[in-house]
Amino acid sequence: MYALMLTYPLVGKFMTEVVAERLQQGEAELTRQDINAFFTRLQVEDAKAAAWTEATEKRIKSTLANCLAQAGYLEKRTSTRLQCPLLSEEVKECIIANGDVRLLPAFGESGVC
């Protein structure tokens, strides 16, 4: 997930603005409404995102859900129960060494999980 966050700004933004916020607040739900609200805000802020077709937006949402499931944030793609992922100490140290400390809350590294 760390590599995806660095490679794709949309993933990084989603993880830091939506997932990290949920984990920090101790909220165990990540609903379709949360995802839709993120995309609505994104489309207001970004002209490129505003130009996406409905099919493109649907595909991106599906891909995000798949990534969350594969990374252990969701039990399965259709789940809404958000879980803290297991982050190895080595990966955590790498994130810190790379100067990406701002991304740690997206991994539940704020003392909440």
Protein backbone atom coordinates (compact mmCIF):
# COMPACT_ATOMS: atom_id res chain seq x y z
CA MET A 1 0.00 0.00 0.00
CA TYR A 2 2.93 2.30 0.72
CA ALA A 3 4.21 1.90 -2.85
CA LEU A 4 0.75 2.59 -4.26
CA MET A 5 0.45 5.73 -2.14
CA LEU A 6 3.75 7.01 -3.51
CA THR A 7 3.08 6.02 -7.11
CA TYR A 8 -0.53 7.17 -7.38
CA PRO A 9 -1.36 10.52 -5.76
CA LEU A 10 -5.06 9.64 -5.74
CA VAL A 11 -4.37 6.58 -3.56
CA GLY A 12 -2.17 8.65 -1.25
CA LYS A 13 -4.83 11.33 -0.93
CA PHE A 14 -7.57 8.76 -0.25
CA MET A 15 -5.48 6.91 2.31
CA THR A 16 -4.40 10.04 4.20
CA GLU A 17 -7.71 11.89 4.03
CA VAL A 18 -10.23 9.09 4.44
CA VAL A 19 -8.65 5.92 5.81
CA ALA A 20 -6.21 7.63 8.20
CA GLU A 21 -8.99 9.84 9.54
CA ARG A 22 -11.20 6.83 10.21
CA LEU A 23 -8.38 4.94 11.92
CA GLN A 24 -7.40 7.97 14.04
CA GLN A 25 -11.01 8.51 15.14
CA GLY A 26 -11.34 4.85 16.03
CA GLU A 27 -14.18 4.45 13.52
CA ALA A 28 -14.40 0.91 12.25
CA GLU A 29 -16.63 1.71 9.28
CA LEU A 30 -15.63 2.72 5.78
CA THR A 31 -18.85 3.06 3.86
CA ARG A 32 -19.70 3.66 0.24
CA GLN A 33 -20.93 7.10 1.34
CA ASP A 34 -17.45 7.90 2.69
CA ILE A 35 -15.89 6.92 -0.62
CA ASN A 36 -18.49 8.84 -2.61
CA ALA A 37 -17.94 11.94 -0.46
CA PHE A 38 -14.20 11.74 -1.11
CA PHE A 39 -14.79 11.55 -4.86
CA THR A 40 -17.24 14.45 -4.76
CA ARG A 41 -14.66 16.62 -2.95
CA LEU A 42 -11.96 15.49 -5.35
CA GLN A 43 -14.04 16.41 -8.39
CA VAL A 44 -14.72 19.87 -6.98
CA GLU A 45 -10.99 20.42 -6.36
CA ASP A 46 -9.56 18.80 -9.49
CA ALA A 47 -10.70 19.56 -13.05
CA LYS A 48 -9.23 16.28 -14.35
CA ALA A 49 -11.22 14.28 -11.81
CA ALA A 50 -14.34 16.28 -12.67
CA ALA A 51 -13.98 15.16 -16.28
CA TRP A 52 -13.94 11.44 -15.46
CA THR A 53 -16.76 9.36 -16.89
CA GLU A 54 -19.03 7.47 -14.55
CA ALA A 55 -17.38 4.23 -15.71
CA THR A 56 -13.90 5.55 -14.86
CA GLU A 57 -15.00 6.66 -11.41
CA LYS A 58 -16.66 3.29 -10.77
CA ARG A 59 -13.50 1.45 -11.84
CA ILE A 60 -11.28 3.57 -9.58
CA LYS A 61 -13.58 2.99 -6.59
CA SER A 62 -13.54 -0.74 -7.27
CA THR A 63 -9.76 -0.74 -7.55
CA LEU A 64 -9.42 1.15 -4.25
CA ALA A 65 -11.70 -1.38 -2.54
CA ASN A 66 -9.65 -4.27 -3.95
CA CYS A 67 -6.40 -2.66 -2.77
CA LEU A 68 -7.82 -2.12 0.71
CA ALA A 69 -8.87 -5.76 0.90
CA GLN A 70 -5.55 -7.06 -0.38
CA ALA A 71 -3.64 -4.88 2.09
CA GLY A 72 -5.74 -6.11 5.03
CA TYR A 73 -7.75 -2.94 5.68
CA LEU A 74 -10.97 -4.75 4.74
CA GLU A 75 -11.76 -8.41 5.27
CA LYS A 76 -13.04 -8.56 1.70
CA ARG A 77 -13.72 -6.05 -1.06
CA THR A 78 -17.38 -5.64 -0.13
CA SER A 79 -16.77 -5.24 3.62
CA THR A 80 -17.30 -1.95 5.39
CA ARG A 81 -15.48 -2.90 8.60
CA LEU A 82 -12.12 -1.15 8.59
CA GLN A 83 -9.21 -2.91 10.25
CA CYS A 84 -5.73 -1.71 11.13
CA PRO A 85 -3.20 -3.32 8.83
CA LEU A 86 -0.14 -5.11 10.12
CA LEU A 87 2.86 -2.90 9.42
CA SER A 88 6.22 -4.52 9.96
CA GLU A 89 8.84 -2.57 11.87
CA GLU A 90 11.11 -2.72 8.82
CA VAL A 91 8.52 -1.06 6.58
CA LYS A 92 7.77 1.53 9.25
CA GLU A 93 11.47 2.36 9.51
CA CYS A 94 11.69 2.60 5.72
CA ILE A 95 8.73 5.00 5.62
CA ILE A 96 10.39 7.17 8.26
CA ALA A 97 13.81 7.02 6.58
CA ASN A 98 12.22 8.10 3.28
CA GLY A 99 10.73 11.17 4.95
CA ASP A 100 7.16 9.95 4.56
CA VAL A 101 6.12 10.15 8.21
CA ARG A 102 2.94 11.98 7.15
CA LEU A 103 1.73 8.66 5.65
CA LEU A 104 2.01 6.65 8.87
CA PRO A 105 -1.53 7.47 10.11
CA ALA A 106 -2.87 5.66 7.03
CA PHE A 107 -1.29 2.53 8.52
CA GLY A 108 -2.86 3.08 11.93
CA GLU A 109 0.42 4.38 13.32
CA SER A 110 -1.05 7.01 15.59
CA GLY A 111 -1.47 4.88 18.67
CA VAL A 112 -5.15 4.14 17.99
CA CYS A 113 -4.89 0.63 16.55
